[in-house]
Amino acid sequence: MKDNYIHKGKRRQLVEMMRKKGIQNEQVLDAMNAVPRHLFLDSSFLEHAYQNKAFPIGADQTISHPYTVAFQSELLQVKPNDRILEIGTGSGYQCAVLLEMGAQVYTIERQNELYKKTNLLFRKLQYRPKRYVFGDGYKGLPDDAPFDSIIVTCGAPEIPKTLMSQLKIGGRMVIPVGDDPQIMTLLVRESATDFSKKTFGEFRFVPFLGGKE
């Protein structure tokens, strides 16, 4: 798996594009500069890997726009060793960005085809999530809760209460809510029973589905 000077140059250009689009967190930008996005894509898309585009990755799923990954990552306000639950591993790119930011990532994928493919890629690239689970994202990982943050990378019709309960007090959940398009939503757990909510405009995601396939 090659990551040559051409790829690294294109990543630097991508990072500058993210800056111009308003991403300010240097930790996020450094992580995106470190992760070889082209290796998370099918070879037919390599030429476009460092453009701000989403691409199919199999099983009717997509790898998100780099800006979407940067935006969600910035909203999480990641600190070193934060325990982050990711719902929807997909290609593994978002997970890799969070790992580069120093987080301990617990990630769930419901599509067995993608789960196996991404597991192989993680091994090849030596990215090591704390846990990588084939399972139902709606259930989360109650045995590993509470989490410092939860990131959902698919569009939910509403915010699942099961996931809200797995967020620690002071923790942050970033989740796109609604039909197409979704509204990017930040939920902060203020106490055992209270949550505050902010919204950040429209984004497009594949739907958040229950069960596993």
Protein backbone atom coordinates (compact mmCIF):
# COMPACT_ATOMS: atom_id res chain seq x y z
CA MET A 1 0.00 0.00 0.00
CA LYS A 2 1.68 3.14 -1.22
CA ASP A 3 1.52 6.61 0.26
CA ASN A 4 3.93 8.65 -1.82
CA TYR A 5 4.90 12.31 -2.02
CA ILE A 6 2.11 12.99 -4.54
CA HIS A 7 -0.51 11.70 -2.09
CA LYS A 8 1.06 13.68 0.77
CA GLY A 9 1.06 16.84 -1.34
CA LYS A 10 -2.62 16.35 -2.18
CA ARG A 11 -3.38 15.85 1.52
CA ARG A 12 -1.73 19.16 2.35
CA GLN A 13 -3.91 20.81 -0.30
CA LEU A 14 -6.98 19.12 1.19
CA VAL A 15 -6.09 20.44 4.65
CA GLU A 16 -5.77 23.97 3.26
CA MET A 17 -9.19 23.56 1.65
CA MET A 18 -10.62 22.52 5.04
CA ARG A 19 -9.05 25.62 6.61
CA LYS A 20 -10.67 27.86 3.99
CA LYS A 21 -14.03 26.18 4.64
CA GLY A 22 -13.78 27.13 8.32
CA ILE A 23 -12.17 24.19 10.13
CA GLN A 24 -9.92 25.73 12.79
CA ASN A 25 -8.95 22.87 15.09
CA GLU A 26 -5.28 22.12 14.35
CA GLN A 27 -5.58 18.67 15.92
CA VAL A 28 -8.26 17.78 13.35
CA LEU A 29 -6.26 19.22 10.48
CA ASP A 30 -3.08 17.43 11.54
CA ALA A 31 -4.96 14.13 11.76
CA MET A 32 -6.43 14.58 8.28
CA ASN A 33 -2.97 15.38 6.99
CA ALA A 34 -1.72 12.11 8.49
CA VAL A 35 -4.42 9.69 7.28
CA PRO A 36 -3.95 8.36 3.71
CA ARG A 37 -7.57 8.73 2.55
CA HIS A 38 -6.80 7.20 -0.85
CA LEU A 39 -6.17 3.84 0.83
CA PHE A 40 -9.72 3.81 2.20
CA LEU A 41 -11.22 4.06 -1.31
CA ASP A 42 -11.70 1.67 -4.19
CA SER A 43 -8.81 2.00 -6.65
CA SER A 44 -11.14 3.42 -9.32
CA PHE A 45 -11.58 6.57 -7.18
CA LEU A 46 -7.89 7.14 -6.34
CA GLU A 47 -7.57 10.10 -8.67
CA HIS A 48 -10.28 11.96 -6.72
CA ALA A 49 -9.38 10.81 -3.20
CA TYR A 50 -8.31 14.24 -1.97
CA GLN A 51 -11.23 16.21 -3.36
CA ASN A 52 -14.10 17.17 -1.09
CA LYS A 53 -16.30 14.34 -2.35
CA ALA A 54 -18.12 11.32 -0.98
CA PHE A 55 -17.65 7.95 -2.70
CA PRO A 56 -19.34 4.54 -2.58
CA ILE A 57 -17.49 1.93 -0.51
CA GLY A 58 -19.77 -1.08 -1.03
CA ALA A 59 -22.90 -2.38 0.73
CA ASP A 60 -24.77 0.80 -0.34
CA GLN A 61 -22.56 2.87 1.99
CA THR A 62 -20.29 5.87 1.34
CA ILE A 63 -17.14 7.43 2.70
CA SER A 64 -18.13 10.92 3.88
CA HIS A 65 -16.92 14.18 2.38
CA PRO A 66 -13.64 15.19 4.06
CA TYR A 67 -15.35 18.38 5.23
CA THR A 68 -18.05 16.35 6.97
CA VAL A 69 -15.40 14.24 8.73
CA ALA A 70 -13.53 17.40 9.76
CA PHE A 71 -16.70 19.14 10.94
CA GLN A 72 -17.90 16.23 13.08
CA SER A 73 -14.40 15.68 14.49
CA GLU A 74 -14.10 19.35 15.43
CA LEU A 75 -17.46 19.32 17.24
CA LEU A 76 -16.28 16.41 19.41
CA GLN A 77 -13.50 18.54 20.98
CA VAL A 78 -11.30 15.44 21.33
CA LYS A 79 -8.81 15.25 24.18
CA PRO A 80 -6.01 12.64 24.39
CA ASN A 81 -7.30 9.22 25.47
CA ASP A 82 -10.95 10.24 25.20
CA ARG A 83 -13.13 7.15 24.94
CA ILE A 84 -15.21 7.68 21.79
CA LEU A 85 -18.02 5.46 20.51
CA GLU A 86 -18.41 5.58 16.73
CA ILE A 87 -21.64 4.32 15.17
CA GLY A 88 -21.02 3.28 11.56
CA THR A 89 -17.38 2.35 10.94
CA GLY A 90 -17.87 2.26 7.17
CA SER A 91 -14.54 2.55 5.36
CA GLY A 92 -12.72 3.23 8.64
CA TYR A 93 -11.56 6.71 7.58
CA GLN A 94 -13.35 8.65 10.34
CA CYS A 95 -12.11 6.14 12.91
CA ALA A 96 -8.53 6.57 11.64
CA VAL A 97 -8.80 10.36 11.97
CA LEU A 98 -9.97 10.00 15.60
CA LEU A 99 -7.16 7.53 16.35
CA GLU A 100 -4.64 10.01 14.93
CA MET A 101 -6.14 12.58 17.32
CA GLY A 102 -5.20 10.34 20.25
CA ALA A 103 -8.65 8.96 21.04
CA GLN A 104 -9.53 5.44 22.15
CA VAL A 105 -12.17 4.49 19.59
CA TYR A 106 -14.90 1.89 20.07
CA THR A 107 -16.56 1.45 16.69
CA ILE A 108 -19.58 -0.53 15.42
CA GLU A 109 -20.39 -1.63 11.85
CA ARG A 110 -23.64 -3.42 10.95
CA GLN A 111 -22.70 -4.55 7.40
CA ASN A 112 -20.67 -7.76 7.58
CA GLU A 113 -19.15 -7.18 4.13
CA LEU A 114 -17.82 -3.79 5.22
CA TYR A 115 -16.85 -5.03 8.67
CA LYS A 116 -14.54 -7.67 7.20
CA LYS A 117 -13.11 -5.38 4.52
CA THR A 118 -12.34 -2.57 6.98
CA ASN A 119 -10.96 -4.96 9.59
CA LEU A 120 -8.41 -6.12 7.02
CA LEU A 121 -7.54 -2.51 6.16
CA PHE A 122 -7.08 -1.55 9.82
CA ARG A 123 -4.61 -4.42 10.19
CA LYS A 124 -2.67 -3.47 7.06
CA LEU A 125 -2.44 0.20 8.06
CA GLN A 126 -1.87 -0.65 11.74
CA TYR A 127 -4.82 1.35 13.01
CA ARG A 128 -6.02 -0.20 16.25
CA PRO A 129 -9.46 0.76 17.57
CA LYS A 130 -9.96 -0.13 21.22
CA ARG A 131 -12.87 -2.30 20.06
CA TYR A 132 -14.19 -3.00 16.57
CA VAL A 133 -17.60 -4.67 16.70
CA PHE A 134 -19.92 -6.21 14.12
CA GLY A 135 -23.27 -5.25 15.59
CA ASP A 136 -26.31 -3.01 15.85
CA GLY A 137 -25.39 0.65 16.31
CA TYR A 138 -28.73 1.44 17.95
CA LYS A 139 -27.67 -0.71 20.91
CA GLY A 140 -24.28 0.97 21.29
CA LEU A 141 -21.83 -0.74 23.66
CA PRO A 142 -23.42 -0.57 27.14
CA ASP A 143 -20.72 -2.76 28.70
CA ASP A 144 -18.06 -0.18 27.74
CA ALA A 145 -20.11 2.92 28.64
CA PRO A 146 -20.03 5.70 29.65
CA PHE A 147 -18.17 7.38 26.76
CA ASP A 148 -16.56 10.81 26.61
CA SER A 149 -18.08 11.27 23.15
CA ILE A 150 -20.31 9.50 20.65
CA ILE A 151 -20.15 10.14 16.92
CA VAL A 152 -22.85 8.85 14.57
CA THR A 153 -21.91 8.71 10.89
CA CYS A 154 -25.36 7.97 9.48
CA GLY A 155 -28.62 9.88 9.43
CA ALA A 156 -30.91 9.05 12.36
CA PRO A 157 -34.67 9.77 12.29
CA GLU A 158 -34.31 10.76 15.95
CA ILE A 159 -31.63 10.65 18.65
CA PRO A 160 -31.58 7.11 20.10
CA LYS A 161 -32.16 7.13 23.86
CA THR A 162 -29.96 4.04 24.23
CA LEU A 163 -26.99 6.06 22.97
CA MET A 164 -27.88 9.10 25.09
CA SER A 165 -27.72 6.87 28.18
CA GLN A 166 -24.18 5.76 27.25
CA LEU A 167 -22.78 9.30 27.28
CA LYS A 168 -20.97 10.43 30.41
CA ILE A 169 -22.01 13.65 32.17
CA GLY A 170 -20.23 16.44 30.29
CA GLY A 171 -19.94 14.17 27.23
CA ARG A 172 -20.77 15.18 23.66
CA MET A 173 -22.73 13.37 20.96
CA VAL A 174 -22.50 14.48 17.33
CA ILE A 175 -25.30 13.04 15.23
CA PRO A 176 -27.06 13.97 11.95
CA VAL A 177 -30.81 13.94 12.60
CA GLY A 178 -33.77 13.79 10.21
CA ASP A 179 -34.51 12.67 6.66
CA ASP A 180 -32.49 13.72 3.61
CA PRO A 181 -30.88 16.14 4.27
CA GLN A 182 -30.15 15.77 7.96
CA ILE A 183 -29.42 18.48 10.52
CA MET A 184 -26.04 18.11 12.22
CA THR A 185 -26.79 18.06 15.93
CA LEU A 186 -24.57 18.38 18.99
CA LEU A 187 -25.95 16.96 22.24
CA VAL A 188 -24.15 17.64 25.54
CA ARG A 189 -25.08 15.68 28.65
CA GLU A 190 -25.37 18.31 31.38
CA SER A 191 -26.54 15.96 34.16
CA ALA A 192 -28.03 12.51 34.67
CA THR A 193 -31.31 13.72 33.18
CA ASP A 194 -30.56 16.94 31.26
CA PHE A 195 -29.10 17.41 27.78
CA SER A 196 -28.44 20.61 25.84
CA LYS A 197 -28.71 20.68 22.06
CA LYS A 198 -27.25 22.81 19.24
CA THR A 199 -27.74 22.43 15.49
CA PHE A 200 -25.31 23.23 12.68
CA GLY A 201 -27.09 23.12 9.34
CA GLU A 202 -27.75 20.52 6.66
CA PHE A 203 -25.61 17.50 5.74
CA ARG A 204 -26.30 14.31 3.80
CA PHE A 205 -25.71 10.81 5.18
CA VAL A 206 -26.88 7.28 4.46
CA PRO A 207 -29.70 6.24 6.82
CA PHE A 208 -29.07 4.89 10.33
CA LEU A 209 -30.49 1.35 10.23
CA GLY A 210 -30.98 -1.10 13.07
CA GLY A 211 -29.94 -4.74 13.20
CA LYS A 212 -26.98 -6.17 11.28
CA GLU A 213 -26.51 -7.74 7.85
